[in-house]
PDB file of all heavy atoms in Angstrom:
ATOM      1  N   VAL A   1     -12.027  71.292   3.871  1.00  0.00           N
ATOM      2  CA  VAL A   1     -11.855  72.246   2.783  1.00  0.00           C
ATOM      3  C   VAL A   1     -12.025  71.477   1.472  1.00  0.00           C
ATOM      4  O   VAL A   1     -11.323  70.491   1.235  1.00  0.00           O
ATOM      5  CB  VAL A   1     -10.478  72.938   2.839  1.00  0.00           C
ATOM      6  CG1 VAL A   1     -10.362  74.000   1.751  1.00  0.00           C
ATOM      7  CG2 VAL A   1     -10.224  73.552   4.212  1.00  0.00           C
ATOM      8  N   LEU A   2     -12.975  71.939   0.661  1.00  0.00           N
ATOM      9  CA  LEU A   2     -13.348  71.225  -0.557  1.00  0.00           C
ATOM     10  C   LEU A   2     -13.142  72.096  -1.785  1.00  0.00           C
ATOM     11  O   LEU A   2     -13.710  73.199  -1.857  1.00  0.00           O
ATOM     12  CB  LEU A   2     -14.831  70.838  -0.490  1.00  0.00           C
ATOM     13  CG  LEU A   2     -15.205  70.012   0.722  1.00  0.00           C
ATOM     14  CD1 LEU A   2     -16.349  70.651   1.465  1.00  0.00           C
ATOM     15  CD2 LEU A   2     -15.545  68.626   0.306  1.00  0.00           C
ATOM     16  N   PRO A   3     -12.357  71.628  -2.759  1.00  0.00           N
ATOM     17  CA  PRO A   3     -12.258  72.374  -4.011  1.00  0.00           C
ATOM     18  C   PRO A   3     -13.564  72.250  -4.778  1.00  0.00           C
ATOM     19  O   PRO A   3     -14.152  71.167  -4.854  1.00  0.00           O
ATOM     20  CB  PRO A   3     -11.112  71.677  -4.752  1.00  0.00           C
ATOM     21  CG  PRO A   3     -11.096  70.291  -4.214  1.00  0.00           C
ATOM     22  CD  PRO A   3     -11.591  70.379  -2.795  1.00  0.00           C
ATOM     23  N   MET A   4     -14.046  73.349  -5.307  1.00  0.00           N
ATOM     24  CA  MET A   4     -15.269  73.358  -6.090  1.00  0.00           C
ATOM     25  C   MET A   4     -14.940  73.927  -7.466  1.00  0.00           C
ATOM     26  O   MET A   4     -13.872  74.510  -7.661  1.00  0.00           O
ATOM     27  CB  MET A   4     -16.343  74.208  -5.393  1.00  0.00           C
ATOM     28  CG  MET A   4     -16.707  73.768  -3.983  1.00  0.00           C
ATOM     29  SD  MET A   4     -17.387  72.095  -3.842  1.00  0.00           S
ATOM     30  CE  MET A   4     -18.950  72.276  -4.684  1.00  0.00           C
ATOM     31  N   THR A   5     -15.827  73.789  -8.416  1.00  0.00           N
ATOM     32  CA  THR A   5     -15.609  74.361  -9.742  1.00  0.00           C
ATOM     33  C   THR A   5     -15.413  75.867  -9.632  1.00  0.00           C
ATOM     34  O   THR A   5     -14.550  76.436 -10.281  1.00  0.00           O
ATOM     35  CB  THR A   5     -16.801  74.040 -10.671  1.00  0.00           C
ATOM     36  OG1 THR A   5     -16.943  72.617 -10.730  1.00  0.00           O
ATOM     37  CG2 THR A   5     -16.572  74.576 -12.066  1.00  0.00           C
ATOM     38  N   ARG A   6     -16.209  76.504  -8.771  1.00  0.00           N
ATOM     39  CA  ARG A   6     -16.068  77.933  -8.498  1.00  0.00           C
ATOM     40  C   ARG A   6     -15.536  78.111  -7.079  1.00  0.00           C
ATOM     41  O   ARG A   6     -16.298  78.151  -6.123  1.00  0.00           O
ATOM     42  CB  ARG A   6     -17.411  78.645  -8.647  1.00  0.00           C
ATOM     43  CG  ARG A   6     -17.866  78.795 -10.085  1.00  0.00           C
ATOM     44  CD  ARG A   6     -19.111  79.648 -10.272  1.00  0.00           C
ATOM     45  NE  ARG A   6     -19.262  80.699  -9.297  1.00  0.00           N
ATOM     46  CZ  ARG A   6     -20.355  80.843  -8.523  1.00  0.00           C
ATOM     47  NH1 ARG A   6     -21.357  79.995  -8.601  1.00  0.00           N
ATOM     48  NH2 ARG A   6     -20.431  81.839  -7.678  1.00  0.00           N
ATOM     49  N   GLY A   7     -14.244  78.185  -6.921  1.00  0.00           N
ATOM     50  CA  GLY A   7     -13.633  78.447  -5.623  1.00  0.00           C
ATOM     51  C   GLY A   7     -13.590  77.227  -4.721  1.00  0.00           C
ATOM     52  O   GLY A   7     -13.330  76.111  -5.181  1.00  0.00           O
ATOM     53  N   HIS A   8     -13.855  77.458  -3.437  1.00  0.00           N
ATOM     54  CA  HIS A   8     -13.814  76.364  -2.473  1.00  0.00           C
ATOM     55  C   HIS A   8     -14.880  76.570  -1.399  1.00  0.00           C
ATOM     56  O   HIS A   8     -15.345  77.686  -1.178  1.00  0.00           O
ATOM     57  CB  HIS A   8     -12.430  76.247  -1.824  1.00  0.00           C
ATOM     58  CG  HIS A   8     -12.109  77.364  -0.869  1.00  0.00           C
ATOM     59  ND1 HIS A   8     -11.614  78.590  -1.276  1.00  0.00           N
ATOM     60  CD2 HIS A   8     -12.239  77.448   0.482  1.00  0.00           C
ATOM     61  CE1 HIS A   8     -11.431  79.358  -0.229  1.00  0.00           C
ATOM     62  NE2 HIS A   8     -11.814  78.702   0.866  1.00  0.00           N
ATOM     63  N   LEU A   9     -15.232  75.477  -0.746  1.00  0.00           N
ATOM     64  CA  LEU A   9     -16.073  75.516   0.445  1.00  0.00           C
ATOM     65  C   LEU A   9     -15.218  75.099   1.620  1.00  0.00           C
ATOM     66  O   LEU A   9     -14.381  74.208   1.513  1.00  0.00           O
ATOM     67  CB  LEU A   9     -17.266  74.561   0.319  1.00  0.00           C
ATOM     68  CG  LEU A   9     -18.406  75.025  -0.553  1.00  0.00           C
ATOM     69  CD1 LEU A   9     -19.409  73.895  -0.756  1.00  0.00           C
ATOM     70  CD2 LEU A   9     -19.091  76.233   0.071  1.00  0.00           C
ATOM     71  N   SER A  10     -15.444  75.741   2.737  1.00  0.00           N
ATOM     72  CA  SER A  10     -14.718  75.458   3.962  1.00  0.00           C
ATOM     73  C   SER A  10     -15.748  75.309   5.075  1.00  0.00           C
ATOM     74  O   SER A  10     -16.587  76.197   5.265  1.00  0.00           O
ATOM     75  CB  SER A  10     -13.769  76.627   4.242  1.00  0.00           C
ATOM     76  OG  SER A  10     -13.081  76.442   5.440  1.00  0.00           O
ATOM     77  N   VAL A  11     -15.691  74.177   5.787  1.00  0.00           N
ATOM     78  CA  VAL A  11     -16.681  73.893   6.817  1.00  0.00           C
ATOM     79  C   VAL A  11     -15.944  73.434   8.080  1.00  0.00           C
ATOM     80  O   VAL A  11     -15.206  72.447   8.051  1.00  0.00           O
ATOM     81  CB  VAL A  11     -17.675  72.804   6.356  1.00  0.00           C
ATOM     82  CG1 VAL A  11     -18.724  72.546   7.428  1.00  0.00           C
ATOM     83  CG2 VAL A  11     -18.334  73.195   5.036  1.00  0.00           C
ATOM     84  N   ALA A  12     -16.138  74.168   9.173  1.00  0.00           N
ATOM     85  CA  ALA A  12     -15.500  73.820  10.446  1.00  0.00           C
ATOM     86  C   ALA A  12     -16.478  73.005  11.292  1.00  0.00           C
ATOM     87  O   ALA A  12     -17.665  73.310  11.364  1.00  0.00           O
ATOM     88  CB  ALA A  12     -15.086  75.082  11.198  1.00  0.00           C
ATOM     89  N   PHE A  13     -15.943  71.970  11.936  1.00  0.00           N
ATOM     90  CA  PHE A  13     -16.729  71.043  12.738  1.00  0.00           C
ATOM     91  C   PHE A  13     -16.217  70.994  14.173  1.00  0.00           C
ATOM     92  O   PHE A  13     -15.019  71.181  14.422  1.00  0.00           O
ATOM     93  CB  PHE A  13     -16.582  69.614  12.175  1.00  0.00           C
ATOM     94  CG  PHE A  13     -17.272  69.387  10.871  1.00  0.00           C
ATOM     95  CD1 PHE A  13     -16.679  69.759   9.675  1.00  0.00           C
ATOM     96  CD2 PHE A  13     -18.512  68.779  10.820  1.00  0.00           C
ATOM     97  CE1 PHE A  13     -17.307  69.534   8.463  1.00  0.00           C
ATOM     98  CE2 PHE A  13     -19.151  68.548   9.614  1.00  0.00           C
ATOM     99  CZ  PHE A  13     -18.541  68.925   8.438  1.00  0.00           C
ATOM    100  N   GLU A  14     -17.117  70.683  15.086  1.00  0.00           N
ATOM    101  CA  GLU A  14     -16.725  70.386  16.465  1.00  0.00           C
ATOM    102  C   GLU A  14     -15.755  69.204  16.438  1.00  0.00           C
ATOM    103  O   GLU A  14     -15.806  68.355  15.535  1.00  0.00           O
ATOM    104  CB  GLU A  14     -17.944  70.042  17.319  1.00  0.00           C
ATOM    105  CG  GLU A  14     -18.954  71.168  17.454  1.00  0.00           C
ATOM    106  CD  GLU A  14     -18.446  72.347  18.278  1.00  0.00           C
ATOM    107  OE1 GLU A  14     -17.427  72.213  18.994  1.00  0.00           O
ATOM    108  OE2 GLU A  14     -19.081  73.412  18.221  1.00  0.00           O
ATOM    109  N   LEU A  15     -14.887  69.122  17.437  1.00  0.00           N
ATOM    110  CA  LEU A  15     -13.867  68.080  17.454  1.00  0.00           C
ATOM    111  C   LEU A  15     -14.445  66.666  17.460  1.00  0.00           C
ATOM    112  O   LEU A  15     -13.825  65.742  16.936  1.00  0.00           O
ATOM    113  CB  LEU A  15     -12.942  68.269  18.661  1.00  0.00           C
ATOM    114  CG  LEU A  15     -12.003  69.467  18.576  1.00  0.00           C
ATOM    115  CD1 LEU A  15     -11.228  69.623  19.874  1.00  0.00           C
ATOM    116  CD2 LEU A  15     -11.056  69.323  17.399  1.00  0.00           C
ATOM    117  N   ALA A  16     -15.598  66.468  18.040  1.00  0.00           N
ATOM    118  CA  ALA A  16     -16.173  65.123  18.137  1.00  0.00           C
ATOM    119  C   ALA A  16     -16.709  64.612  16.793  1.00  0.00           C
ATOM    120  O   ALA A  16     -16.933  63.415  16.636  1.00  0.00           O
ATOM    121  CB  ALA A  16     -17.292  65.104  19.176  1.00  0.00           C
ATOM    122  N   ALA A  17     -16.904  65.496  15.826  1.00  0.00           N
ATOM    123  CA  ALA A  17     -17.432  65.096  14.512  1.00  0.00           C
ATOM    124  C   ALA A  17     -16.305  64.590  13.624  1.00  0.00           C
ATOM    125  O   ALA A  17     -15.137  64.923  13.826  1.00  0.00           O
ATOM    126  CB  ALA A  17     -18.127  66.281  13.861  1.00  0.00           C
ATOM    127  N   TYR A  18     -16.663  63.803  12.632  1.00  0.00           N
ATOM    128  CA  TYR A  18     -15.695  63.347  11.629  1.00  0.00           C
ATOM    129  C   TYR A  18     -16.082  63.972  10.287  1.00  0.00           C
ATOM    130  O   TYR A  18     -17.021  63.522   9.630  1.00  0.00           O
ATOM    131  CB  TYR A  18     -15.653  61.818  11.542  1.00  0.00           C
ATOM    132  CG  TYR A  18     -14.515  61.343  10.684  1.00  0.00           C
ATOM    133  CD1 TYR A  18     -13.188  61.590  11.056  1.00  0.00           C
ATOM    134  CD2 TYR A  18     -14.748  60.693   9.492  1.00  0.00           C
ATOM    135  CE1 TYR A  18     -12.136  61.190  10.260  1.00  0.00           C
ATOM    136  CE2 TYR A  18     -13.702  60.281   8.690  1.00  0.00           C
ATOM    137  CZ  TYR A  18     -12.405  60.536   9.077  1.00  0.00           C
ATOM    138  OH  TYR A  18     -11.352  60.143   8.279  1.00  0.00           O
ATOM    139  N   PRO A  19     -15.375  65.034   9.870  1.00  0.00           N
ATOM    140  CA  PRO A  19     -15.764  65.797   8.683  1.00  0.00           C
ATOM    141  C   PRO A  19     -15.902  64.974   7.405  1.00  0.00           C
ATOM    142  O   PRO A  19     -16.762  65.275   6.574  1.00  0.00           O
ATOM    143  CB  PRO A  19     -14.650  66.833   8.548  1.00  0.00           C
ATOM    144  CG  PRO A  19     -14.132  67.000   9.932  1.00  0.00           C
ATOM    145  CD  PRO A  19     -14.227  65.634  10.558  1.00  0.00           C
ATOM    146  N   ALA A  20     -15.098  63.943   7.231  1.00  0.00           N
ATOM    147  CA  ALA A  20     -15.168  63.148   6.000  1.00  0.00           C
ATOM    148  C   ALA A  20     -16.547  62.525   5.819  1.00  0.00           C
ATOM    149  O   ALA A  20     -16.976  62.290   4.685  1.00  0.00           O
ATOM    150  CB  ALA A  20     -14.088  62.077   5.997  1.00  0.00           C
ATOM    151  N   ASP A  21     -17.255  62.278   6.910  1.00  0.00           N
ATOM    152  CA  ASP A  21     -18.602  61.708   6.819  1.00  0.00           C
ATOM    153  C   ASP A  21     -19.571  62.651   6.097  1.00  0.00           C
ATOM    154  O   ASP A  21     -20.601  62.200   5.604  1.00  0.00           O
ATOM    155  CB  ASP A  21     -19.167  61.409   8.212  1.00  0.00           C
ATOM    156  CG  ASP A  21     -18.468  60.247   8.891  1.00  0.00           C
ATOM    157  OD1 ASP A  21     -17.746  59.483   8.215  1.00  0.00           O
ATOM    158  OD2 ASP A  21     -18.637  60.107  10.120  1.00  0.00           O
ATOM    159  N   TYR A  22     -19.270  63.928   6.043  1.00  0.00           N
ATOM    160  CA  TYR A  22     -20.161  64.926   5.466  1.00  0.00           C
ATOM    161  C   TYR A  22     -19.653  65.477   4.132  1.00  0.00           C
ATOM    162  O   TYR A  22     -20.331  66.287   3.512  1.00  0.00           O
ATOM    163  CB  TYR A  22     -20.344  66.088   6.456  1.00  0.00           C
ATOM    164  CG  TYR A  22     -20.926  65.625   7.763  1.00  0.00           C
ATOM    165  CD1 TYR A  22     -20.104  65.312   8.832  1.00  0.00           C
ATOM    166  CD2 TYR A  22     -22.299  65.462   7.905  1.00  0.00           C
ATOM    167  CE1 TYR A  22     -20.634  64.855  10.031  1.00  0.00           C
ATOM    168  CE2 TYR A  22     -22.839  65.010   9.103  1.00  0.00           C
ATOM    169  CZ  TYR A  22     -21.999  64.703  10.151  1.00  0.00           C
ATOM    170  OH  TYR A  22     -22.529  64.250  11.334  1.00  0.00           O
ATOM    171  N   ALA A  23     -18.469  65.053   3.705  1.00  0.00           N
ATOM    172  CA  ALA A  23     -17.848  65.637   2.517  1.00  0.00           C
ATOM    173  C   ALA A  23     -18.733  65.531   1.282  1.00  0.00           C
ATOM    174  O   ALA A  23     -18.958  66.535   0.594  1.00  0.00           O
ATOM    175  CB  ALA A  23     -16.477  65.005   2.261  1.00  0.00           C
ATOM    176  N   GLN A  24     -19.243  64.349   0.976  1.00  0.00           N
ATOM    177  CA  GLN A  24     -20.024  64.197  -0.246  1.00  0.00           C
ATOM    178  C   GLN A  24     -21.319  65.000  -0.187  1.00  0.00           C
ATOM    179  O   GLN A  24     -21.717  65.616  -1.184  1.00  0.00           O
ATOM    180  CB  GLN A  24     -20.321  62.731  -0.550  1.00  0.00           C
ATOM    181  CG  GLN A  24     -20.910  62.526  -1.928  1.00  0.00           C
ATOM    182  CD  GLN A  24     -19.997  63.045  -3.041  1.00  0.00           C
ATOM    183  OE1 GLN A  24     -18.827  62.671  -3.125  1.00  0.00           O
ATOM    184  NE2 GLN A  24     -20.510  63.934  -3.889  1.00  0.00           N
TER     185      GLN A  24
END
């Protein structure tokens, strides 16, 4: 879950993925 200037983005990942790798 990422705060954005306009609202937020929310991205769900399979358990085997590491979401922080895709944050930027």
